[in-house]
Amino acid sequence: MQAQIVYMTAGDLSEARRIGRALVEERLAACVNIIDGMRAIYRWEGEVQEGAEVVVIAKTVASKVDPLVARVKALHSYACCCVLALPVAAGNPSFLDWIAAEVAP
C-alpha cells in the first residue's frame, strides 16, 4: 500500500480536533498531527486575507485518500477547504506497515 501524507488546514483547534478524531476513529487515517498557531495569507473572493489557522497532517494510504477528502469536506466549516494528498517516497518500513495496518478494515 502506498503511504500518503494529507495536509489540511482548519479554522480553529476545536475543528481540527473534531476532524482529526473522526479520521482516526473511522480508520481513514492512522494518525493525525495538529499544529496550532499557523498564520495564513491568501486571496479569497478577490481580496487578500490574513488569519489564524491550524495545520492538520494525516498519515494514510492511497486507497483511503478519496473517502478521507470526502469526510473532511463534510466536517469542515470552510466552503473550499484545503486538503492535499502527497505520496510518501520512502520511510521507516515498520512505521509504513503500521499506517497500513491502522487504516485496514
PDB file of N, CA and C in Angstrom:
ATOM      1  N   MET A   1       0.843  -1.187   0.000  1.00  0.00           N
ATOM      2  CA  MET A   1       0.000   0.000   0.000  1.00  0.00           C
ATOM      3  C   MET A   1       0.880   1.240   0.000  1.00  0.00           C
ATOM      4  N   GLN A   2       0.538   2.197  -0.835  1.00  0.00           N
ATOM      5  CA  GLN A   2       1.282   3.446  -0.948  1.00  0.00           C
ATOM      6  C   GLN A   2       0.869   4.404   0.171  1.00  0.00           C
ATOM      7  N   ALA A   3       1.800   4.721   1.051  1.00  0.00           N
ATOM      8  CA  ALA A   3       1.521   5.671   2.122  1.00  0.00           C
ATOM      9  C   ALA A   3       1.348   7.069   1.544  1.00  0.00           C
ATOM     10  N   GLN A   4       0.509   7.843   2.201  1.00  0.00           N
ATOM     11  CA  GLN A   4       0.224   9.219   1.798  1.00  0.00           C
ATOM     12  C   GLN A   4       0.228  10.112   3.035  1.00  0.00           C
ATOM     13  N   ILE A   5       0.689  11.327   2.850  1.00  0.00           N
ATOM     14  CA  ILE A   5       0.565  12.373   3.862  1.00  0.00           C
ATOM     15  C   ILE A   5      -0.494  13.329   3.342  1.00  0.00           C
ATOM     16  N   VAL A   6      -1.483  13.640   4.164  1.00  0.00           N
ATOM     17  CA  VAL A   6      -2.534  14.562   3.748  1.00  0.00           C
ATOM     18  C   VAL A   6      -2.418  15.821   4.599  1.00  0.00           C
ATOM     19  N   TYR A   7      -2.144  16.934   3.917  1.00  0.00           N
ATOM     20  CA  TYR A   7      -2.010  18.242   4.559  1.00  0.00           C
ATOM     21  C   TYR A   7      -3.355  18.951   4.476  1.00  0.00           C
ATOM     22  N   MET A   8      -3.811  19.466   5.618  1.00  0.00           N
ATOM     23  CA  MET A   8      -5.078  20.191   5.679  1.00  0.00           C
ATOM     24  C   MET A   8      -4.914  21.396   6.591  1.00  0.00           C
ATOM     25  N   THR A   9      -5.860  22.307   6.518  1.00  0.00           N
ATOM     26  CA  THR A   9      -5.940  23.388   7.494  1.00  0.00           C
ATOM     27  C   THR A   9      -7.362  23.423   8.049  1.00  0.00           C
ATOM     28  N   ALA A  10      -7.474  23.943   9.247  1.00  0.00           N
ATOM     29  CA  ALA A  10      -8.771  24.113   9.902  1.00  0.00           C
ATOM     30  C   ALA A  10      -8.851  25.529  10.465  1.00  0.00           C
ATOM     31  N   GLY A  11     -10.064  25.967  10.697  1.00  0.00           N
ATOM     32  CA  GLY A  11     -10.266  27.327  11.188  1.00  0.00           C
ATOM     33  C   GLY A  11      -9.859  27.550  12.631  1.00  0.00           C
ATOM     34  N   ASP A  12      -9.932  26.496  13.434  1.00  0.00           N
ATOM     35  CA  ASP A  12      -9.526  26.619  14.832  1.00  0.00           C
ATOM     36  C   ASP A  12      -9.192  25.234  15.391  1.00  0.00           C
ATOM     37  N   LEU A  13      -8.681  25.225  16.600  1.00  0.00           N
ATOM     38  CA  LEU A  13      -8.232  23.980  17.229  1.00  0.00           C
ATOM     39  C   LEU A  13      -9.381  22.995  17.434  1.00  0.00           C
ATOM     40  N   SER A  14     -10.536  23.497  17.800  1.00  0.00           N
ATOM     41  CA  SER A  14     -11.686  22.622  18.020  1.00  0.00           C
ATOM     42  C   SER A  14     -12.073  21.890  16.732  1.00  0.00           C
ATOM     43  N   GLU A  15     -12.119  22.603  15.633  1.00  0.00           N
ATOM     44  CA  GLU A  15     -12.446  21.984  14.353  1.00  0.00           C
ATOM     45  C   GLU A  15     -11.375  20.980  13.947  1.00  0.00           C
ATOM     46  N   ALA A  16     -10.117  21.324  14.128  1.00  0.00           N
ATOM     47  CA  ALA A  16      -9.019  20.414  13.792  1.00  0.00           C
ATOM     48  C   ALA A  16      -9.112  19.124  14.603  1.00  0.00           C
ATOM     49  N   ARG A  17      -9.391  19.241  15.883  1.00  0.00           N
ATOM     50  CA  ARG A  17      -9.512  18.055  16.735  1.00  0.00           C
ATOM     51  C   ARG A  17     -10.708  17.197  16.338  1.00  0.00           C
ATOM     52  N   ARG A  18     -11.826  17.839  16.013  1.00  0.00           N
ATOM     53  CA  ARG A  18     -13.019  17.102  15.600  1.00  0.00           C
ATOM     54  C   ARG A  18     -12.760  16.336  14.308  1.00  0.00           C
ATOM     55  N   ILE A  19     -12.134  16.986  13.338  1.00  0.00           N
ATOM     56  CA  ILE A  19     -11.812  16.328  12.069  1.00  0.00           C
ATOM     57  C   ILE A  19     -10.793  15.220  12.295  1.00  0.00           C
ATOM     58  N   GLY A  20      -9.734  15.507  13.019  1.00  0.00           N
ATOM     59  CA  GLY A  20      -8.686  14.512  13.266  1.00  0.00           C
ATOM     60  C   GLY A  20      -9.212  13.278  13.966  1.00  0.00           C
ATOM     61  N   ARG A  21     -10.010  13.479  14.986  1.00  0.00           N
ATOM     62  CA  ARG A  21     -10.573  12.342  15.729  1.00  0.00           C
ATOM     63  C   ARG A  21     -11.466  11.499  14.827  1.00  0.00           C
ATOM     64  N   ALA A  22     -12.290  12.131  14.009  1.00  0.00           N
ATOM     65  CA  ALA A  22     -13.170  11.385  13.106  1.00  0.00           C
ATOM     66  C   ALA A  22     -12.352  10.562  12.113  1.00  0.00           C
ATOM     67  N   LEU A  23     -11.302  11.131  11.564  1.00  0.00           N
ATOM     68  CA  LEU A  23     -10.483  10.410  10.589  1.00  0.00           C
ATOM     69  C   LEU A  23      -9.826   9.176  11.191  1.00  0.00           C
ATOM     70  N   VAL A  24      -9.339   9.296  12.420  1.00  0.00           N
ATOM     71  CA  VAL A  24      -8.699   8.151  13.077  1.00  0.00           C
ATOM     72  C   VAL A  24      -9.751   7.131  13.513  1.00  0.00           C
ATOM     73  N   GLU A  25     -10.835   7.590  14.123  1.00  0.00           N
ATOM     74  CA  GLU A  25     -11.876   6.657  14.578  1.00  0.00           C
ATOM     75  C   GLU A  25     -12.474   5.867  13.420  1.00  0.00           C
ATOM     76  N   GLU A  26     -12.602   6.503  12.255  1.00  0.00           N
ATOM     77  CA  GLU A  26     -13.198   5.855  11.089  1.00  0.00           C
ATOM     78  C   GLU A  26     -12.169   5.114  10.221  1.00  0.00           C
ATOM     79  N   ARG A  27     -10.938   5.015  10.720  1.00  0.00           N
ATOM     80  CA  ARG A  27      -9.840   4.317  10.029  1.00  0.00           C
ATOM     81  C   ARG A  27      -9.523   4.892   8.650  1.00  0.00           C
ATOM     82  N   LEU A  28      -9.752   6.183   8.490  1.00  0.00           N
ATOM     83  CA  LEU A  28      -9.362   6.864   7.268  1.00  0.00           C
ATOM     84  C   LEU A  28      -7.930   7.365   7.376  1.00  0.00           C
ATOM     85  N   ALA A  29      -7.435   7.488   8.593  1.00  0.00           N
ATOM     86  CA  ALA A  29      -6.049   7.882   8.862  1.00  0.00           C
ATOM     87  C   ALA A  29      -5.542   7.083  10.060  1.00  0.00           C
ATOM     88  N   ALA A  30      -4.266   6.748  10.031  1.00  0.00           N
ATOM     89  CA  ALA A  30      -3.652   6.041  11.152  1.00  0.00           C
ATOM     90  C   ALA A  30      -3.335   6.999  12.289  1.00  0.00           C
ATOM     91  N   CYS A  31      -3.000   8.216  11.926  1.00  0.00           N
ATOM     92  CA  CYS A  31      -2.565   9.216  12.897  1.00  0.00           C
ATOM     93  C   CYS A  31      -2.829  10.597  12.312  1.00  0.00           C
ATOM     94  N   VAL A  32      -3.143  11.549  13.169  1.00  0.00           N
ATOM     95  CA  VAL A  32      -3.308  12.937  12.754  1.00  0.00           C
ATOM     96  C   VAL A  32      -2.493  13.812  13.699  1.00  0.00           C
ATOM     97  N   ASN A  33      -1.684  14.676  13.116  1.00  0.00           N
ATOM     98  CA  ASN A  33      -0.942  15.667  13.893  1.00  0.00           C
ATOM     99  C   ASN A  33      -1.633  17.013  13.733  1.00  0.00           C
ATOM    100  N   ILE A  34      -1.733  17.755  14.823  1.00  0.00           N
ATOM    101  CA  ILE A  34      -2.373  19.069  14.818  1.00  0.00           C
ATOM    102  C   ILE A  34      -1.344  20.087  15.291  1.00  0.00           C
ATOM    103  N   ILE A  35      -1.152  21.116  14.471  1.00  0.00           N
ATOM    104  CA  ILE A  35      -0.188  22.175  14.780  1.00  0.00           C
ATOM    105  C   ILE A  35      -0.952  23.489  14.840  1.00  0.00           C
ATOM    106  N   ASP A  36      -1.119  24.001  16.029  1.00  0.00           N
ATOM    107  CA  ASP A  36      -1.868  25.242  16.251  1.00  0.00           C
ATOM    108  C   ASP A  36      -0.951  26.448  16.040  1.00  0.00           C
ATOM    109  N   GLY A  37      -1.545  27.596  15.771  1.00  0.00           N
ATOM    110  CA  GLY A  37      -0.791  28.843  15.727  1.00  0.00           C
ATOM    111  C   GLY A  37      -0.254  29.236  14.367  1.00  0.00           C
ATOM    112  N   MET A  38      -0.750  28.652  13.296  1.00  0.00           N
ATOM    113  CA  MET A  38      -0.281  28.999  11.958  1.00  0.00           C
ATOM    114  C   MET A  38      -1.002  30.249  11.485  1.00  0.00           C
ATOM    115  N   ARG A  39      -0.303  31.106  10.759  1.00  0.00           N
ATOM    116  CA  ARG A  39      -0.908  32.282  10.131  1.00  0.00           C
ATOM    117  C   ARG A  39      -0.977  32.029   8.631  1.00  0.00           C
ATOM    118  N   ALA A  40      -2.072  32.370   8.027  1.00  0.00           N
ATOM    119  CA  ALA A  40      -2.259  32.185   6.591  1.00  0.00           C
ATOM    120  C   ALA A  40      -2.509  33.537   5.928  1.00  0.00           C
ATOM    121  N   ILE A  41      -1.879  33.732   4.784  1.00  0.00           N
ATOM    122  CA  ILE A  41      -2.141  34.886   3.929  1.00  0.00           C
ATOM    123  C   ILE A  41      -2.595  34.308   2.605  1.00  0.00           C
ATOM    124  N   TYR A  42      -3.759  34.702   2.143  1.00  0.00           N
ATOM    125  CA  TYR A  42      -4.346  34.086   0.963  1.00  0.00           C
ATOM    126  C   TYR A  42      -5.302  35.064   0.275  1.00  0.00           C
ATOM    127  N   ARG A  43      -5.626  34.770  -0.968  1.00  0.00           N
ATOM    128  CA  ARG A  43      -6.612  35.563  -1.696  1.00  0.00           C
ATOM    129  C   ARG A  43      -7.935  34.809  -1.663  1.00  0.00           C
ATOM    130  N   TRP A  44      -8.998  35.476  -1.266  1.00  0.00           N
ATOM    131  CA  TRP A  44     -10.324  34.866  -1.224  1.00  0.00           C
ATOM    132  C   TRP A  44     -11.343  35.906  -1.666  1.00  0.00           C
ATOM    133  N   GLU A  45     -12.141  35.540  -2.647  1.00  0.00           N
ATOM    134  CA  GLU A  45     -13.174  36.412  -3.189  1.00  0.00           C
ATOM    135  C   GLU A  45     -12.614  37.776  -3.588  1.00  0.00           C
ATOM    136  N   GLY A  46     -11.446  37.753  -4.247  1.00  0.00           N
ATOM    137  CA  GLY A  46     -10.852  38.962  -4.784  1.00  0.00           C
ATOM    138  C   GLY A  46     -10.087  39.828  -3.812  1.00  0.00           C
ATOM    139  N   GLU A  47     -10.001  39.422  -2.567  1.00  0.00           N
ATOM    140  CA  GLU A  47      -9.315  40.215  -1.541  1.00  0.00           C
ATOM    141  C   GLU A  47      -8.208  39.403  -0.892  1.00  0.00           C
ATOM    142  N   VAL A  48      -7.105  40.061  -0.566  1.00  0.00           N
ATOM    143  CA  VAL A  48      -6.042  39.405   0.188  1.00  0.00           C
ATOM    144  C   VAL A  48      -6.467  39.382   1.654  1.00  0.00           C
ATOM    145  N   GLN A  49      -6.437  38.198   2.226  1.00  0.00           N
ATOM    146  CA  GLN A  49      -6.872  37.978   3.605  1.00  0.00           C
ATOM    147  C   GLN A  49      -5.693  37.489   4.437  1.00  0.00           C
ATOM    148  N   GLU A  50      -5.805  37.646   5.745  1.00  0.00           N
ATOM    149  CA  GLU A  50      -4.835  37.073   6.670  1.00  0.00           C
ATOM    150  C   GLU A  50      -5.586  36.630   7.912  1.00  0.00           C
ATOM    151  N   GLY A  51      -5.211  35.437   8.423  1.00  0.00           N
ATOM    152  CA  GLY A  51      -5.880  34.965   9.621  1.00  0.00           C
ATOM    153  C   GLY A  51      -5.184  33.773  10.233  1.00  0.00           C
ATOM    154  N   ALA A  52      -5.672  33.400  11.393  1.00  0.00           N
ATOM    155  CA  ALA A  52      -5.136  32.249  12.108  1.00  0.00           C
ATOM    156  C   ALA A  52      -5.770  30.980  11.562  1.00  0.00           C
ATOM    157  N   GLU A  53      -4.971  29.936  11.453  1.00  0.00           N
ATOM    158  CA  GLU A  53      -5.460  28.618  11.073  1.00  0.00           C
ATOM    159  C   GLU A  53      -4.692  27.578  11.872  1.00  0.00           C
ATOM    160  N   VAL A  54      -5.136  26.344  11.746  1.00  0.00           N
ATOM    161  CA  VAL A  54      -4.488  25.213  12.403  1.00  0.00           C
ATOM    162  C   VAL A  54      -4.111  24.218  11.320  1.00  0.00           C
ATOM    163  N   VAL A  55      -2.866  23.746  11.348  1.00  0.00           N
ATOM    164  CA  VAL A  55      -2.407  22.743  10.385  1.00  0.00           C
ATOM    165  C   VAL A  55      -2.801  21.357  10.890  1.00  0.00           C
ATOM    166  N   VAL A  56      -3.307  20.536   9.987  1.00  0.00           N
ATOM    167  CA  VAL A  56      -3.681  19.163  10.289  1.00  0.00           C
ATOM    168  C   VAL A  56      -2.950  18.279   9.279  1.00  0.00           C
ATOM    169  N   ILE A  57      -2.201  17.294   9.772  1.00  0.00           N
ATOM    170  CA  ILE A  57      -1.458  16.387   8.902  1.00  0.00           C
ATOM    171  C   ILE A  57      -1.874  14.958   9.232  1.00  0.00           C
ATOM    172  N   ALA A  58      -2.407  14.273   8.235  1.00  0.00           N
ATOM    173  CA  ALA A  58      -2.870  12.896   8.432  1.00  0.00           C
ATOM    174  C   ALA A  58      -1.948  11.932   7.702  1.00  0.00           C
ATOM    175  N   LYS A  59      -1.723  10.761   8.314  1.00  0.00           N
ATOM    176  CA  LYS A  59      -0.974   9.677   7.681  1.00  0.00           C
ATOM    177  C   LYS A  59      -1.974   8.603   7.284  1.00  0.00           C
ATOM    178  N   THR A  60      -1.963   8.246   5.996  1.00  0.00           N
ATOM    179  CA  THR A  60      -2.916   7.275   5.494  1.00  0.00           C
ATOM    180  C   THR A  60      -2.303   6.522   4.318  1.00  0.00           C
ATOM    181  N   VAL A  61      -3.140   5.842   3.547  1.00  0.00           N
ATOM    182  CA  VAL A  61      -2.697   5.137   2.336  1.00  0.00           C
ATOM    183  C   VAL A  61      -3.523   5.646   1.159  1.00  0.00           C
ATOM    184  N   ALA A  62      -3.018   5.423  -0.037  1.00  0.00           N
ATOM    185  CA  ALA A  62      -3.637   5.972  -1.244  1.00  0.00           C
ATOM    186  C   ALA A  62      -5.109   5.583  -1.382  1.00  0.00           C
ATOM    187  N   SER A  63      -5.450   4.343  -1.045  1.00  0.00           N
ATOM    188  CA  SER A  63      -6.834   3.886  -1.207  1.00  0.00           C
ATOM    189  C   SER A  63      -7.811   4.593  -0.277  1.00  0.00           C
ATOM    190  N   LYS A  64      -7.312   5.272   0.740  1.00  0.00           N
ATOM    191  CA  LYS A  64      -8.176   5.972   1.694  1.00  0.00           C
ATOM    192  C   LYS A  64      -8.292   7.472   1.413  1.00  0.00           C
ATOM    193  N   VAL A  65      -7.522   7.973   0.442  1.00  0.00           N
ATOM    194  CA  VAL A  65      -7.497   9.418   0.213  1.00  0.00           C
ATOM    195  C   VAL A  65      -8.863   9.952  -0.213  1.00  0.00           C
ATOM    196  N   ASP A  66      -9.507   9.337  -1.190  1.00  0.00           N
ATOM    197  CA  ASP A  66     -10.800   9.866  -1.651  1.00  0.00           C
ATOM    198  C   ASP A  66     -11.854   9.883  -0.540  1.00  0.00           C
ATOM    199  N   PRO A  67     -12.037   8.782   0.212  1.00  0.00           N
ATOM    200  CA  PRO A  67     -13.015   8.868   1.312  1.00  0.00           C
ATOM    201  C   PRO A  67     -12.580   9.836   2.413  1.00  0.00           C
ATOM    202  N   LEU A  68     -11.283   9.973   2.648  1.00  0.00           N
ATOM    203  CA  LEU A  68     -10.792  10.935   3.636  1.00  0.00           C
ATOM    204  C   LEU A  68     -11.146  12.355   3.204  1.00  0.00           C
ATOM    205  N   VAL A  69     -10.891  12.685   1.942  1.00  0.00           N
ATOM    206  CA  VAL A  69     -11.217  14.024   1.437  1.00  0.00           C
ATOM    207  C   VAL A  69     -12.717  14.286   1.563  1.00  0.00           C
ATOM    208  N   ALA A  70     -13.527  13.313   1.194  1.00  0.00           N
ATOM    209  CA  ALA A  70     -14.980  13.471   1.300  1.00  0.00           C
ATOM    210  C   ALA A  70     -15.408  13.712   2.744  1.00  0.00           C
ATOM    211  N   ARG A  71     -14.808  12.987   3.672  1.00  0.00           N
ATOM    212  CA  ARG A  71     -15.165  13.135   5.094  1.00  0.00           C
ATOM    213  C   ARG A  71     -14.753  14.505   5.620  1.00  0.00           C
ATOM    214  N   VAL A  72     -13.549  14.953   5.246  1.00  0.00           N
ATOM    215  CA  VAL A  72     -13.089  16.277   5.681  1.00  0.00           C
ATOM    216  C   VAL A  72     -14.032  17.348   5.148  1.00  0.00           C
ATOM    217  N   LYS A  73     -14.401  17.262   3.880  1.00  0.00           N
ATOM    218  CA  LYS A  73     -15.315  18.245   3.301  1.00  0.00           C
ATOM    219  C   LYS A  73     -16.655  18.261   4.031  1.00  0.00           C
ATOM    220  N   ALA A  74     -17.136  17.098   4.442  1.00  0.00           N
ATOM    221  CA  ALA A  74     -18.410  17.018   5.161  1.00  0.00           C
ATOM    222  C   ALA A  74     -18.329  17.632   6.556  1.00  0.00           C
ATOM    223  N   LEU A  75     -17.158  17.540   7.183  1.00  0.00           N
ATOM    224  CA  LEU A  75     -16.989  18.027   8.548  1.00  0.00           C
ATOM    225  C   LEU A  75     -16.510  19.477   8.630  1.00  0.00           C
ATOM    226  N   HIS A  76     -15.971  19.996   7.563  1.00  0.00           N
ATOM    227  CA  HIS A  76     -15.259  21.279   7.579  1.00  0.00           C
ATOM    228  C   HIS A  76     -16.208  22.466   7.495  1.00  0.00           C
ATOM    229  N   SER A  77     -15.803  23.569   8.115  1.00  0.00           N
ATOM    230  CA  SER A  77     -16.607  24.788   8.087  1.00  0.00           C
ATOM    231  C   SER A  77     -16.335  25.648   6.853  1.00  0.00           C
ATOM    232  N   TYR A  78     -15.223  25.432   6.168  1.00  0.00           N
ATOM    233  CA  TYR A  78     -14.883  26.259   5.008  1.00  0.00           C
ATOM    234  C   TYR A  78     -15.646  25.801   3.765  1.00  0.00           C
ATOM    235  N   ALA A  79     -15.997  26.741   2.912  1.00  0.00           N
ATOM    236  CA  ALA A  79     -16.642  26.414   1.637  1.00  0.00           C
ATOM    237  C   ALA A  79     -15.658  25.720   0.697  1.00  0.00           C
ATOM    238  N   CYS A  80     -14.389  26.071   0.789  1.00  0.00           N
ATOM    239  CA  CYS A  80     -13.352  25.491  -0.065  1.00  0.00           C
ATOM    240  C   CYS A  80     -12.155  25.144   0.827  1.00  0.00           C
ATOM    241  N   CYS A  81     -12.204  23.986   1.468  1.00  0.00           N
ATOM    242  CA  CYS A  81     -11.167  23.637   2.437  1.00  0.00           C
ATOM    243  C   CYS A  81      -9.917  23.069   1.743  1.00  0.00           C
ATOM    244  N   CYS A  82      -8.794  23.332   2.357  1.00  0.00           N
ATOM    245  CA  CYS A  82      -7.504  22.828   1.871  1.00  0.00           C
ATOM    246  C   CYS A  82      -7.339  21.378   2.304  1.00  0.00           C
ATOM    247  N   VAL A  83      -7.210  20.480   1.336  1.00  0.00           N
ATOM    248  CA  VAL A  83      -6.915  19.075   1.595  1.00  0.00           C
ATOM    249  C   VAL A  83      -6.019  18.626   0.445  1.00  0.00           C
ATOM    250  N   LEU A  84      -4.743  18.369   0.739  1.00  0.00           N
ATOM    251  CA  LEU A  84      -3.775  17.990  -0.282  1.00  0.00           C
ATOM    252  C   LEU A  84      -3.099  16.679   0.092  1.00  0.00           C
ATOM    253  N   ALA A  85      -3.145  15.698  -0.795  1.00  0.00           N
ATOM    254  CA  ALA A  85      -2.504  14.407  -0.541  1.00  0.00           C
ATOM    255  C   ALA A  85      -1.167  14.356  -1.259  1.00  0.00           C
ATOM    256  N   LEU A  86      -0.151  13.921  -0.535  1.00  0.00           N
ATOM    257  CA  LEU A  86       1.208  13.822  -1.063  1.00  0.00           C
ATOM    258  C   LEU A  86       1.717  12.402  -0.870  1.00  0.00           C
ATOM    259  N   PRO A  87       2.228  11.775  -1.929  1.00  0.00           N
ATOM    260  CA  PRO A  87       2.738  10.412  -1.784  1.00  0.00           C
ATOM    261  C   PRO A  87       4.031  10.390  -0.960  1.00  0.00           C
ATOM    262  N   VAL A  88       4.200   9.332  -0.201  1.00  0.00           N
ATOM    263  CA  VAL A  88       5.417   9.131   0.593  1.00  0.00           C
ATOM    264  C   VAL A  88       6.371   8.290  -0.251  1.00  0.00           C
ATOM    265  N   ALA A  89       7.548   8.825  -0.528  1.00  0.00           N
ATOM    266  CA  ALA A  89       8.524   8.124  -1.373  1.00  0.00           C
ATOM    267  C   ALA A  89       9.250   7.023  -0.613  1.00  0.00           C
ATOM    268  N   ALA A  90       9.514   7.240   0.669  1.00  0.00           N
ATOM    269  CA  ALA A  90      10.259   6.265   1.471  1.00  0.00           C
ATOM    270  C   ALA A  90      10.063   6.597   2.936  1.00  0.00           C
ATOM    271  N   GLY A  91      10.476   5.661   3.795  1.00  0.00           N
ATOM    272  CA  GLY A  91      10.365   5.901   5.232  1.00  0.00           C
ATOM    273  C   GLY A  91      10.714   4.652   6.010  1.00  0.00           C
ATOM    274  N   ASN A  92      10.547   4.728   7.295  1.00  0.00           N
ATOM    275  CA  ASN A  92      10.787   3.603   8.184  1.00  0.00           C
ATOM    276  C   ASN A  92       9.793   2.491   7.821  1.00  0.00           C
ATOM    277  N   PRO A  93      10.259   1.351   7.328  1.00  0.00           N
ATOM    278  CA  PRO A  93       9.338   0.297   6.896  1.00  0.00           C
ATOM    279  C   PRO A  93       8.345  -0.126   7.975  1.00  0.00           C
ATOM    280  N   SER A  94       8.774  -0.212   9.209  1.00  0.00           N
ATOM    281  CA  SER A  94       7.837  -0.638  10.253  1.00  0.00           C
ATOM    282  C   SER A  94       6.768   0.423  10.502  1.00  0.00           C
ATOM    283  N   PHE A  95       7.118   1.705  10.364  1.00  0.00           N
ATOM    284  CA  PHE A  95       6.119   2.770  10.508  1.00  0.00           C
ATOM    285  C   PHE A  95       5.139   2.736   9.344  1.00  0.00           C
ATOM    286  N   LEU A  96       5.621   2.534   8.140  1.00  0.00           N
ATOM    287  CA  LEU A  96       4.755   2.444   6.967  1.00  0.00           C
ATOM    288  C   LEU A  96       3.806   1.246   7.083  1.00  0.00           C
ATOM    289  N   ASP A  97       4.307   0.139   7.612  1.00  0.00           N
ATOM    290  CA  ASP A  97       3.460  -1.032   7.850  1.00  0.00           C
ATOM    291  C   ASP A  97       2.392  -0.724   8.896  1.00  0.00           C
ATOM    292  N   TRP A  98       2.774   0.034   9.934  1.00  0.00           N
ATOM    293  CA  TRP A  98       1.828   0.420  10.972  1.00  0.00           C
ATOM    294  C   TRP A  98       0.697   1.258  10.383  1.00  0.00           C
ATOM    295  N   ILE A  99       1.024   2.226   9.519  1.00  0.00           N
ATOM    296  CA  ILE A  99      -0.008   3.047   8.876  1.00  0.00           C
ATOM    297  C   ILE A  99      -0.994   2.149   8.145  1.00  0.00           C
ATOM    298  N   ALA A 100      -0.467   1.241   7.333  1.00  0.00           N
ATOM    299  CA  ALA A 100      -1.338   0.341   6.548  1.00  0.00           C
ATOM    300  C   ALA A 100      -2.230  -0.499   7.461  1.00  0.00           C
ATOM    301  N   ALA A 101      -1.672  -0.992   8.553  1.00  0.00           N
ATOM    302  CA  ALA A 101      -2.446  -1.823   9.463  1.00  0.00           C
ATOM    303  C   ALA A 101      -3.555  -1.029  10.163  1.00  0.00           C
ATOM    304  N   GLU A 102      -3.283   0.220  10.508  1.00  0.00           N
ATOM    305  CA  GLU A 102      -4.258   1.019  11.256  1.00  0.00           C
ATOM    306  C   GLU A 102      -5.419   1.505  10.407  1.00  0.00           C
ATOM    307  N   VAL A 103      -5.250   1.580   9.099  1.00  0.00           N
ATOM    308  CA  VAL A 103      -6.360   2.012   8.254  1.00  0.00           C
ATOM    309  C   VAL A 103      -7.075   0.833   7.598  1.00  0.00           C
ATOM    310  N   ALA A 104      -6.590  -0.377   7.867  1.00  0.00           N
ATOM    311  CA  ALA A 104      -7.248  -1.575   7.334  1.00  0.00           C
ATOM    312  C   ALA A 104      -8.597  -1.754   8.025  1.00  0.00           C
ATOM    313  N   PRO A 105      -9.556  -2.341   7.313  1.00  0.00           N
ATOM    314  CA  PRO A 105     -10.886  -2.547   7.925  1.00  0.00           C
ATOM    315  C   PRO A 105     -10.832  -3.442   9.152  1.00  0.00           C
TER     316      PRO A 105
END
